[in-house]
Amino acid sequence: MRIAFLNCYSPSTFKAIIDGDDREKMVAQVFESVGGKLESMMLTQGAFDALVIGSVPNHNAAAGLAMAMKSTGMCSESLLLEELNLEDILVPARKVLEAK
């Protein structure tokens, strides 16, 4: 399953990046540790400092990855988004509306 993180970096993370820390390599290793793969990572301007896109085997791996990342303090805020399959969602959505 594909996931995305929107991250706000902590001051210490920005300092590490400025000092030459290879953040993308580290994030790729984190994804690999849960059986996933980093697809893309970019710095962003605005409410969030980084967008990270990757794949993981399941919801538990995504949640564990998010929990571990938050525990490190490297991000002051991190928002996990999971890609959804519209067709899979339409079936129960239509059943709910039909039950009314």
N, C-alpha and C. Protein backbone atom coordinates (compact mmCIF):
# COMPACT_ATOMS: atom_id res chain seq x y z
N MET A 1 0.84 -1.17 0.00
CA MET A 1 0.00 0.00 0.00
C MET A 1 0.89 1.24 0.00
N ARG A 2 0.41 2.26 -0.67
CA ARG A 2 1.18 3.50 -0.75
C ARG A 2 0.77 4.44 0.37
N ILE A 3 1.77 5.13 0.91
CA ILE A 3 1.52 6.10 1.97
C ILE A 3 2.31 7.37 1.68
N ALA A 4 1.88 8.43 2.34
CA ALA A 4 2.61 9.70 2.27
C ALA A 4 2.70 10.28 3.67
N PHE A 5 3.80 10.91 3.95
CA PHE A 5 3.97 11.65 5.19
C PHE A 5 4.16 13.12 4.83
N LEU A 6 3.47 13.97 5.55
CA LEU A 6 3.74 15.40 5.54
C LEU A 6 4.41 15.71 6.86
N ASN A 7 5.62 16.21 6.81
CA ASN A 7 6.42 16.40 8.02
C ASN A 7 6.81 17.85 8.24
N CYS A 8 6.80 18.25 9.50
CA CYS A 8 7.40 19.50 9.94
C CYS A 8 8.65 19.12 10.70
N TYR A 9 9.80 19.52 10.19
CA TYR A 9 11.06 19.14 10.82
C TYR A 9 11.30 19.93 12.10
N SER A 10 11.98 19.28 13.03
CA SER A 10 12.40 19.95 14.26
C SER A 10 13.65 20.77 13.95
N PRO A 11 13.97 21.74 14.80
CA PRO A 11 15.20 22.52 14.59
C PRO A 11 16.45 21.64 14.49
N SER A 12 16.52 20.58 15.31
CA SER A 12 17.70 19.71 15.26
C SER A 12 17.79 18.95 13.93
N THR A 13 16.65 18.63 13.32
CA THR A 13 16.67 17.96 12.02
C THR A 13 17.18 18.91 10.95
N PHE A 14 16.73 20.16 10.97
CA PHE A 14 17.25 21.14 10.01
C PHE A 14 18.76 21.31 10.19
N LYS A 15 19.21 21.35 11.42
CA LYS A 15 20.65 21.50 11.68
C LYS A 15 21.41 20.31 11.12
N ALA A 16 20.87 19.09 11.30
CA ALA A 16 21.53 17.90 10.77
C ALA A 16 21.60 17.94 9.24
N ILE A 17 20.54 18.40 8.61
CA ILE A 17 20.52 18.51 7.14
C ILE A 17 21.57 19.52 6.68
N ILE A 18 21.62 20.66 7.35
CA ILE A 18 22.61 21.69 7.00
C ILE A 18 24.02 21.15 7.16
N ASP A 19 24.23 20.33 8.18
CA ASP A 19 25.55 19.76 8.45
C ASP A 19 25.89 18.58 7.53
N GLY A 20 24.98 18.23 6.59
CA GLY A 20 25.30 17.20 5.60
C GLY A 20 24.65 15.86 5.81
N ASP A 21 23.72 15.75 6.76
CA ASP A 21 23.02 14.49 6.99
C ASP A 21 22.26 14.08 5.73
N ASP A 22 22.40 12.84 5.32
CA ASP A 22 21.70 12.32 4.14
C ASP A 22 20.32 11.82 4.57
N ARG A 23 19.39 12.73 4.67
CA ARG A 23 18.05 12.43 5.17
C ARG A 23 17.35 11.40 4.28
N GLU A 24 17.50 11.52 2.97
CA GLU A 24 16.82 10.59 2.06
C GLU A 24 17.31 9.16 2.25
N LYS A 25 18.59 8.98 2.43
CA LYS A 25 19.15 7.64 2.66
C LYS A 25 18.58 7.07 3.96
N MET A 26 18.52 7.88 5.00
CA MET A 26 18.01 7.43 6.29
C MET A 26 16.54 7.04 6.18
N VAL A 27 15.74 7.85 5.49
CA VAL A 27 14.31 7.55 5.34
C VAL A 27 14.12 6.28 4.51
N ALA A 28 14.94 6.09 3.48
CA ALA A 28 14.86 4.86 2.68
C ALA A 28 15.13 3.63 3.55
N GLN A 29 16.11 3.72 4.44
CA GLN A 29 16.41 2.61 5.34
C GLN A 29 15.26 2.34 6.30
N VAL A 30 14.59 3.39 6.75
CA VAL A 30 13.45 3.24 7.66
C VAL A 30 12.32 2.50 6.95
N PHE A 31 12.02 2.88 5.73
CA PHE A 31 10.99 2.18 4.96
C PHE A 31 11.37 0.72 4.75
N GLU A 32 12.62 0.46 4.39
CA GLU A 32 13.07 -0.92 4.16
C GLU A 32 12.98 -1.76 5.43
N SER A 33 13.14 -1.15 6.59
CA SER A 33 13.11 -1.90 7.85
C SER A 33 11.74 -2.50 8.14
N VAL A 34 10.68 -1.96 7.53
CA VAL A 34 9.33 -2.50 7.72
C VAL A 34 8.85 -3.21 6.45
N GLY A 35 9.77 -3.51 5.54
CA GLY A 35 9.42 -4.21 4.30
C GLY A 35 8.87 -3.30 3.23
N GLY A 36 9.13 -2.01 3.36
CA GLY A 36 8.61 -1.04 2.40
C GLY A 36 9.70 -0.48 1.51
N LYS A 37 9.31 0.56 0.76
CA LYS A 37 10.25 1.20 -0.16
C LYS A 37 9.93 2.68 -0.27
N LEU A 38 10.94 3.51 -0.15
CA LEU A 38 10.80 4.94 -0.38
C LEU A 38 10.67 5.19 -1.87
N GLU A 39 9.64 5.92 -2.28
CA GLU A 39 9.46 6.25 -3.69
C GLU A 39 9.95 7.66 -4.01
N SER A 40 9.67 8.59 -3.11
CA SER A 40 9.99 9.99 -3.39
C SER A 40 10.07 10.77 -2.09
N MET A 41 10.95 11.75 -2.07
CA MET A 41 11.06 12.62 -0.90
C MET A 41 11.44 14.00 -1.39
N MET A 42 10.73 15.00 -0.90
CA MET A 42 11.05 16.36 -1.32
C MET A 42 10.86 17.35 -0.19
N LEU A 43 11.71 18.34 -0.18
CA LEU A 43 11.51 19.46 0.73
C LEU A 43 10.40 20.33 0.14
N THR A 44 9.61 20.90 1.01
CA THR A 44 8.49 21.72 0.56
C THR A 44 8.50 23.06 1.29
N GLN A 45 7.85 24.02 0.69
CA GLN A 45 7.69 25.33 1.31
C GLN A 45 6.23 25.49 1.67
N GLY A 46 5.96 25.91 2.88
CA GLY A 46 4.58 26.08 3.31
C GLY A 46 4.38 25.52 4.70
N ALA A 47 3.22 24.98 4.96
CA ALA A 47 2.88 24.48 6.30
C ALA A 47 3.73 23.27 6.70
N PHE A 48 4.21 22.50 5.74
CA PHE A 48 5.03 21.32 6.01
C PHE A 48 6.38 21.48 5.32
N ASP A 49 7.39 20.86 5.91
CA ASP A 49 8.75 20.99 5.40
C ASP A 49 9.14 19.90 4.42
N ALA A 50 8.45 18.76 4.48
CA ALA A 50 8.82 17.64 3.62
C ALA A 50 7.61 16.80 3.27
N LEU A 51 7.64 16.25 2.08
CA LEU A 51 6.66 15.27 1.62
C LEU A 51 7.43 14.00 1.30
N VAL A 52 7.00 12.90 1.94
CA VAL A 52 7.64 11.60 1.74
C VAL A 52 6.58 10.64 1.22
N ILE A 53 6.87 9.97 0.11
CA ILE A 53 5.95 9.01 -0.48
C ILE A 53 6.66 7.67 -0.58
N GLY A 54 5.96 6.62 -0.16
CA GLY A 54 6.55 5.29 -0.23
C GLY A 54 5.49 4.22 -0.17
N SER A 55 5.94 2.99 -0.11
CA SER A 55 5.02 1.87 -0.01
C SER A 55 5.42 1.01 1.19
N VAL A 56 4.41 0.42 1.82
CA VAL A 56 4.62 -0.49 2.95
C VAL A 56 3.68 -1.68 2.76
N PRO A 57 3.95 -2.80 3.44
CA PRO A 57 3.14 -4.00 3.22
C PRO A 57 1.69 -3.89 3.69
N ASN A 58 1.44 -3.12 4.77
CA ASN A 58 0.09 -3.10 5.33
C ASN A 58 -0.09 -1.92 6.27
N HIS A 59 -1.31 -1.80 6.82
CA HIS A 59 -1.64 -0.69 7.73
C HIS A 59 -0.79 -0.72 9.00
N ASN A 60 -0.52 -1.90 9.53
CA ASN A 60 0.28 -2.01 10.74
C ASN A 60 1.71 -1.50 10.52
N ALA A 61 2.27 -1.81 9.37
CA ALA A 61 3.61 -1.31 9.06
C ALA A 61 3.60 0.21 8.94
N ALA A 62 2.56 0.75 8.33
CA ALA A 62 2.44 2.21 8.20
C ALA A 62 2.33 2.86 9.57
N ALA A 63 1.48 2.30 10.43
CA ALA A 63 1.30 2.87 11.77
C ALA A 63 2.57 2.75 12.60
N GLY A 64 3.25 1.61 12.50
CA GLY A 64 4.51 1.42 13.23
C GLY A 64 5.58 2.37 12.76
N LEU A 65 5.64 2.59 11.47
CA LEU A 65 6.60 3.53 10.89
C LEU A 65 6.33 4.93 11.41
N ALA A 66 5.06 5.33 11.41
CA ALA A 66 4.68 6.66 11.90
C ALA A 66 5.02 6.81 13.38
N MET A 67 4.71 5.79 14.17
CA MET A 67 4.98 5.84 15.61
C MET A 67 6.48 5.98 15.88
N ALA A 68 7.27 5.17 15.20
CA ALA A 68 8.71 5.21 15.41
C ALA A 68 9.29 6.55 14.98
N MET A 69 8.83 7.08 13.85
CA MET A 69 9.34 8.38 13.38
C MET A 69 9.01 9.48 14.39
N LYS A 70 7.78 9.47 14.91
CA LYS A 70 7.39 10.50 15.87
C LYS A 70 8.18 10.39 17.16
N SER A 71 8.55 9.17 17.54
CA SER A 71 9.27 8.97 18.80
C SER A 71 10.69 9.52 18.75
N THR A 72 11.25 9.69 17.56
CA THR A 72 12.63 10.17 17.44
C THR A 72 12.77 11.66 17.69
N GLY A 73 11.67 12.41 17.54
CA GLY A 73 11.74 13.86 17.69
C GLY A 73 12.26 14.59 16.48
N MET A 74 12.50 13.85 15.37
CA MET A 74 13.02 14.52 14.18
C MET A 74 11.98 15.42 13.52
N CYS A 75 10.71 15.16 13.83
CA CYS A 75 9.64 15.99 13.30
C CYS A 75 8.81 16.55 14.44
N SER A 76 8.50 17.82 14.37
CA SER A 76 7.63 18.41 15.37
C SER A 76 6.18 18.04 15.08
N GLU A 77 5.90 17.72 13.82
CA GLU A 77 4.58 17.25 13.41
C GLU A 77 4.75 16.32 12.22
N SER A 78 3.96 15.26 12.18
CA SER A 78 4.01 14.32 11.07
C SER A 78 2.60 13.80 10.82
N LEU A 79 2.16 13.92 9.61
CA LEU A 79 0.82 13.50 9.22
C LEU A 79 0.94 12.33 8.25
N LEU A 80 0.35 11.20 8.60
CA LEU A 80 0.37 10.00 7.76
C LEU A 80 -0.89 9.96 6.92
N LEU A 81 -0.73 9.80 5.62
CA LEU A 81 -1.84 9.65 4.69
C LEU A 81 -1.70 8.31 3.98
N GLU A 82 -2.80 7.57 3.90
CA GLU A 82 -2.78 6.28 3.20
C GLU A 82 -3.58 6.41 1.90
N GLU A 83 -2.99 5.91 0.82
CA GLU A 83 -3.69 5.91 -0.46
C GLU A 83 -4.86 4.94 -0.38
N LEU A 84 -5.99 5.36 -0.89
CA LEU A 84 -7.19 4.53 -0.90
C LEU A 84 -7.58 4.17 -2.32
N ASN A 85 -8.25 3.04 -2.46
CA ASN A 85 -8.77 2.61 -3.75
C ASN A 85 -10.24 3.03 -3.80
N LEU A 86 -10.56 3.94 -4.70
CA LEU A 86 -11.91 4.48 -4.78
C LEU A 86 -12.95 3.38 -5.00
N GLU A 87 -12.67 2.43 -5.84
CA GLU A 87 -13.63 1.36 -6.10
C GLU A 87 -13.95 0.57 -4.84
N ASP A 88 -12.93 0.32 -4.01
CA ASP A 88 -13.16 -0.42 -2.76
C ASP A 88 -14.02 0.37 -1.78
N ILE A 89 -13.95 1.67 -1.84
CA ILE A 89 -14.70 2.53 -0.93
C ILE A 89 -16.13 2.73 -1.40
N LEU A 90 -16.35 2.75 -2.69
CA LEU A 90 -17.68 3.01 -3.23
C LEU A 90 -18.69 1.93 -2.84
N VAL A 91 -18.27 0.69 -2.74
CA VAL A 91 -19.19 -0.40 -2.41
C VAL A 91 -19.84 -0.16 -1.04
N PRO A 92 -19.06 0.00 0.04
CA PRO A 92 -19.72 0.24 1.32
C PRO A 92 -20.40 1.60 1.40
N ALA A 93 -19.88 2.59 0.72
CA ALA A 93 -20.52 3.91 0.74
C ALA A 93 -21.92 3.84 0.13
N ARG A 94 -22.05 3.11 -0.96
CA ARG A 94 -23.36 2.97 -1.60
C ARG A 94 -24.31 2.16 -0.72
N LYS A 95 -23.78 1.14 -0.03
CA LYS A 95 -24.63 0.33 0.87
C LYS A 95 -25.17 1.20 2.01
N VAL A 96 -24.34 2.07 2.55
CA VAL A 96 -24.77 2.95 3.63
C VAL A 96 -25.88 3.86 3.14
N LEU A 97 -25.70 4.44 1.96
CA LEU A 97 -26.72 5.35 1.44
C LEU A 97 -28.01 4.63 1.10
N GLU A 98 -27.91 3.38 0.66
CA GLU A 98 -29.11 2.61 0.36
C GLU A 98 -29.86 2.20 1.62
N ALA A 99 -29.17 2.09 2.73
CA ALA A 99 -29.79 1.66 3.99
C ALA A 99 -30.59 2.77 4.65
N LYS A 100 -30.44 3.97 4.21
CA LYS A 100 -31.16 5.11 4.82
C LYS A 100 -32.63 5.07 4.50
